[in-house]
Amino acid sequence: MRRPGVSLALAISLTISSLLSACSPKQASPTPFITSQDAVPTSAFVSPTLTPVPVETSPAEEPRFKDADLALSFGDYDKALELYRGQAPDASPTSQAAALFGQSLALFKQGNLSEAQAVMADLTARFPTEAPGVRALFWLGEYASIAAEAAQAIDYYTQYQEKSNHTLDAMVFEKIGDLQSSPQMKLSYYQKAYSAAGNDPDLGLVSKLADQYAIAGQAD
């Protein structure tokens, strides 16, 4: 027998979903793709599958590898890897960390998942407090997820969420929810993701949340 509360929650979620589809245009959000002129994969998320994702705000002082970033943006992964492995703009920890981050993305784009993982892991171990080092935790979660290592992916995503500036909390919580085997845990993380999204929840997330409310009701 379903609890009235669960049914109400489901109805609310479905209502929110329909309202969102008819609401006024959303405020402009950061451009999810990186243009050729400003391609900076060492300081922003570039989805391997070209799926739009939010990008972090890159500190003005964060090093740029213009030629390497452009090569990666245009799909010349061999050249990009060569350039990322070349001389960094300076010998600072941030520059070294950014170079490693770019190397890992280039390796991943080449299809070398294991080597990409090794470079990202090295980055987090050597430069854990640098922005690229923190960002690497997200990508280690992505790599582990691709390798069907759910527990490891959840651990990396969780570490990233705790250490990041929380720009991607909604997406990270949703990813963690996707990897959960327990319906209760899925519901919990989807709720966190919905809360973190504020006034701009993704309709896919709303649908997942509604599904989990329905499952919770059917289980009673």
Protein backbone atom coordinates (compact mmCIF):
# COMPACT_ATOMS: atom_id res chain seq x y z
CA MET A 1 0.00 0.00 0.00
CA ARG A 2 1.39 3.36 -0.96
CA ARG A 3 1.95 6.09 1.53
CA PRO A 4 -0.04 9.24 0.82
CA GLY A 5 3.15 11.25 1.25
CA VAL A 6 4.95 9.40 -1.50
CA SER A 7 2.08 9.79 -3.92
CA LEU A 8 1.92 13.49 -3.17
CA ALA A 9 5.65 13.84 -3.72
CA LEU A 10 5.33 12.07 -7.06
CA ALA A 11 2.52 14.37 -8.09
CA ILE A 12 4.53 17.41 -7.07
CA SER A 13 7.54 16.23 -9.06
CA LEU A 14 5.50 15.60 -12.17
CA THR A 15 3.82 18.97 -11.79
CA ILE A 16 7.20 20.66 -11.48
CA SER A 17 8.34 18.86 -14.63
CA SER A 18 5.39 20.12 -16.64
CA LEU A 19 5.74 23.63 -15.28
CA LEU A 20 9.40 23.75 -16.13
CA SER A 21 8.73 22.88 -19.76
CA ALA A 22 6.43 25.87 -20.03
CA CYS A 23 8.35 28.37 -17.94
CA SER A 24 10.01 31.51 -19.21
CA PRO A 25 13.47 31.28 -20.81
CA LYS A 26 16.23 30.40 -18.38
CA GLN A 27 19.00 32.80 -17.53
CA ALA A 28 22.06 32.38 -19.66
CA SER A 29 24.47 29.76 -18.31
CA PRO A 30 28.17 29.29 -19.05
CA THR A 31 28.85 28.01 -22.57
CA PRO A 32 29.18 24.21 -22.29
CA PHE A 33 31.47 23.87 -25.29
CA ILE A 34 34.82 25.54 -25.71
CA THR A 35 35.36 27.55 -28.85
CA SER A 36 38.49 27.19 -30.93
CA GLN A 37 39.72 30.64 -29.92
CA ASP A 38 39.33 30.07 -26.20
CA ALA A 39 39.79 26.31 -25.95
CA VAL A 40 41.14 25.65 -22.46
CA PRO A 41 40.59 22.00 -21.56
CA THR A 42 43.24 22.41 -18.87
CA SER A 43 40.85 24.67 -17.00
CA ALA A 44 37.36 23.57 -18.08
CA PHE A 45 35.40 20.37 -18.54
CA VAL A 46 35.34 18.99 -22.06
CA SER A 47 32.96 16.08 -22.28
CA PRO A 48 34.49 13.07 -24.10
CA THR A 49 31.13 12.39 -25.75
CA LEU A 50 30.49 16.08 -26.56
CA THR A 51 27.52 16.10 -24.18
CA PRO A 52 26.96 19.66 -22.93
CA VAL A 53 27.98 20.02 -19.29
CA PRO A 54 28.50 23.09 -17.12
CA VAL A 55 31.97 24.55 -16.94
CA GLU A 56 33.79 25.86 -13.93
CA THR A 57 34.87 29.46 -13.71
CA SER A 58 38.60 29.40 -14.41
CA PRO A 59 40.75 31.69 -12.28
CA ALA A 60 42.39 34.40 -14.36
CA GLU A 61 45.81 33.32 -13.16
CA GLU A 62 45.37 29.67 -14.17
CA PRO A 63 47.95 28.74 -16.84
CA ARG A 64 46.88 28.31 -20.45
CA PHE A 65 48.38 26.01 -23.05
CA LYS A 66 46.96 27.77 -26.10
CA ASP A 67 48.51 25.67 -28.87
CA ALA A 68 47.91 22.39 -27.05
CA ASP A 69 44.35 23.35 -26.19
CA LEU A 70 43.64 24.29 -29.80
CA ALA A 71 45.08 21.00 -31.05
CA LEU A 72 42.89 19.08 -28.62
CA SER A 73 39.86 21.16 -29.62
CA PHE A 74 40.43 20.37 -33.31
CA GLY A 75 40.94 16.66 -32.69
CA ASP A 76 44.71 16.50 -33.21
CA TYR A 77 45.26 14.46 -30.07
CA ASP A 78 48.80 13.35 -30.89
CA LYS A 79 49.94 16.95 -31.32
CA ALA A 80 48.06 18.05 -28.23
CA LEU A 81 49.74 15.34 -26.15
CA GLU A 82 53.14 16.32 -27.51
CA LEU A 83 52.56 19.96 -26.59
CA TYR A 84 51.19 19.22 -23.12
CA ARG A 85 54.28 17.11 -22.49
CA GLY A 86 56.53 19.93 -23.67
CA GLN A 87 57.82 22.84 -21.65
CA ALA A 88 55.21 24.43 -19.36
CA PRO A 89 54.75 28.23 -19.34
CA ASP A 90 56.63 28.25 -16.04
CA ALA A 91 57.81 25.88 -13.33
CA SER A 92 54.97 26.63 -10.93
CA PRO A 93 52.96 23.75 -9.42
CA THR A 94 49.81 25.11 -11.10
CA SER A 95 51.42 24.99 -14.55
CA GLN A 96 52.73 21.47 -13.99
CA ALA A 97 49.31 20.37 -12.76
CA ALA A 98 47.57 21.95 -15.78
CA ALA A 99 49.98 20.20 -18.14
CA LEU A 100 49.22 16.81 -16.57
CA PHE A 101 45.50 17.50 -16.78
CA GLY A 102 45.78 18.24 -20.50
CA GLN A 103 47.90 15.13 -21.05
CA SER A 104 45.25 12.95 -19.45
CA LEU A 105 42.46 14.41 -21.58
CA ALA A 106 44.52 13.95 -24.75
CA LEU A 107 45.27 10.33 -23.83
CA PHE A 108 41.60 9.72 -23.12
CA LYS A 109 40.61 11.19 -26.47
CA GLN A 110 43.13 8.82 -28.09
CA GLY A 111 41.35 5.92 -26.44
CA ASN A 112 44.10 5.21 -23.88
CA LEU A 113 41.84 5.00 -20.84
CA SER A 114 44.27 3.20 -18.54
CA GLU A 115 47.11 5.64 -19.26
CA ALA A 116 44.73 8.59 -18.92
CA GLN A 117 43.69 7.25 -15.52
CA ALA A 118 47.31 6.86 -14.45
CA VAL A 119 48.16 10.45 -15.37
CA MET A 120 45.11 11.85 -13.56
CA ALA A 121 45.92 9.76 -10.49
CA ASP A 122 49.48 11.09 -10.57
CA LEU A 123 48.10 14.62 -10.83
CA THR A 124 45.88 14.25 -7.76
CA ALA A 125 48.73 12.69 -5.78
CA ARG A 126 51.32 15.35 -6.66
CA PHE A 127 49.13 18.45 -6.73
CA PRO A 128 46.05 17.72 -4.58
CA THR A 129 45.32 21.36 -3.72
CA GLU A 130 45.85 22.90 -7.16
CA ALA A 131 42.70 23.58 -9.21
CA PRO A 132 43.60 20.98 -11.89
CA GLY A 133 44.35 18.48 -9.12
CA VAL A 134 40.91 18.92 -7.60
CA ARG A 135 39.29 18.86 -11.06
CA ALA A 136 41.10 15.61 -11.81
CA LEU A 137 38.96 13.87 -9.18
CA PHE A 138 35.90 14.48 -11.33
CA TRP A 139 37.59 12.96 -14.36
CA LEU A 140 38.83 9.99 -12.38
CA GLY A 141 35.17 9.46 -11.51
CA GLU A 142 34.31 9.66 -15.21
CA TYR A 143 37.06 7.20 -16.12
CA ALA A 144 36.01 4.75 -13.40
CA SER A 145 32.39 5.02 -14.49
CA ILE A 146 33.33 4.21 -18.09
CA ALA A 147 35.28 1.20 -16.80
CA ALA A 148 32.15 0.04 -14.89
CA GLU A 149 33.90 0.55 -11.56
CA ALA A 150 30.89 2.02 -9.77
CA ALA A 151 32.25 2.03 -6.22
CA GLN A 152 35.50 3.71 -7.31
CA ALA A 153 33.61 6.25 -9.41
CA ILE A 154 31.35 7.15 -6.49
CA ASP A 155 34.40 7.65 -4.28
CA TYR A 156 36.08 9.99 -6.77
CA TYR A 157 32.91 11.97 -7.43
CA THR A 158 32.38 12.33 -3.69
CA GLN A 159 35.94 13.57 -3.16
CA TYR A 160 35.52 16.06 -5.98
CA GLN A 161 32.23 17.36 -4.60
CA GLU A 162 33.75 17.88 -1.17
CA LYS A 163 36.85 19.70 -2.44
CA SER A 164 35.43 21.67 -5.38
CA ASN A 165 33.84 25.11 -5.51
CA HIS A 166 30.45 23.31 -5.82
CA THR A 167 29.64 24.65 -9.29
CA LEU A 168 28.84 21.12 -10.51
CA ASP A 169 27.14 19.75 -7.38
CA ALA A 170 23.83 19.04 -9.13
CA MET A 171 25.51 17.07 -11.91
CA VAL A 172 27.84 15.23 -9.53
CA PHE A 173 25.03 14.19 -7.18
CA GLU A 174 23.02 12.98 -10.16
CA LYS A 175 25.97 10.93 -11.41
CA ILE A 176 26.41 9.38 -7.97
CA GLY A 177 22.69 8.59 -7.91
CA ASP A 178 22.93 6.90 -11.30
CA LEU A 179 25.62 4.58 -9.94
CA GLN A 180 23.73 3.51 -6.83
CA SER A 181 22.18 0.04 -6.75
CA SER A 182 19.79 0.83 -3.91
CA PRO A 183 16.55 2.63 -4.88
CA GLN A 184 16.67 4.46 -1.55
CA MET A 185 20.18 5.74 -2.23
CA LYS A 186 19.25 6.72 -5.77
CA LEU A 187 16.33 8.73 -4.41
CA SER A 188 18.53 10.36 -1.78
CA TYR A 189 21.14 11.55 -4.29
CA TYR A 190 18.58 12.67 -6.84
CA GLN A 191 16.99 14.75 -4.09
CA LYS A 192 20.39 16.28 -3.32
CA ALA A 193 20.92 16.98 -7.01
CA TYR A 194 17.50 18.60 -7.32
CA SER A 195 18.18 20.77 -4.28
CA ALA A 196 21.63 21.78 -5.59
CA ALA A 197 20.15 22.74 -8.97
CA GLY A 198 18.12 25.53 -7.34
CA ASN A 199 15.73 27.15 -9.80
CA ASP A 200 17.30 25.48 -12.83
CA PRO A 201 16.83 21.69 -12.48
CA ASP A 202 17.45 19.49 -15.48
CA LEU A 203 14.27 17.87 -16.81
CA GLY A 204 16.04 14.54 -17.01
CA LEU A 205 16.81 14.78 -13.29
CA VAL A 206 13.18 15.67 -12.53
CA SER A 207 12.09 12.57 -14.45
CA LYS A 208 14.55 10.35 -12.54
CA LEU A 209 13.36 11.79 -9.26
CA ALA A 210 9.72 11.15 -10.15
CA ASP A 211 10.57 7.57 -11.14
CA GLN A 212 12.26 6.94 -7.79
CA TYR A 213 9.28 8.38 -5.90
CA ALA A 214 7.06 5.98 -7.85
CA ILE A 215 9.33 3.03 -7.02
CA ALA A 216 9.36 4.02 -3.35
CA GLY A 217 5.57 4.07 -3.37
CA GLN A 218 5.27 0.68 -5.09
CA ALA A 219 7.65 -0.90 -2.56
CA ASP A 220 5.27 -0.19 0.36
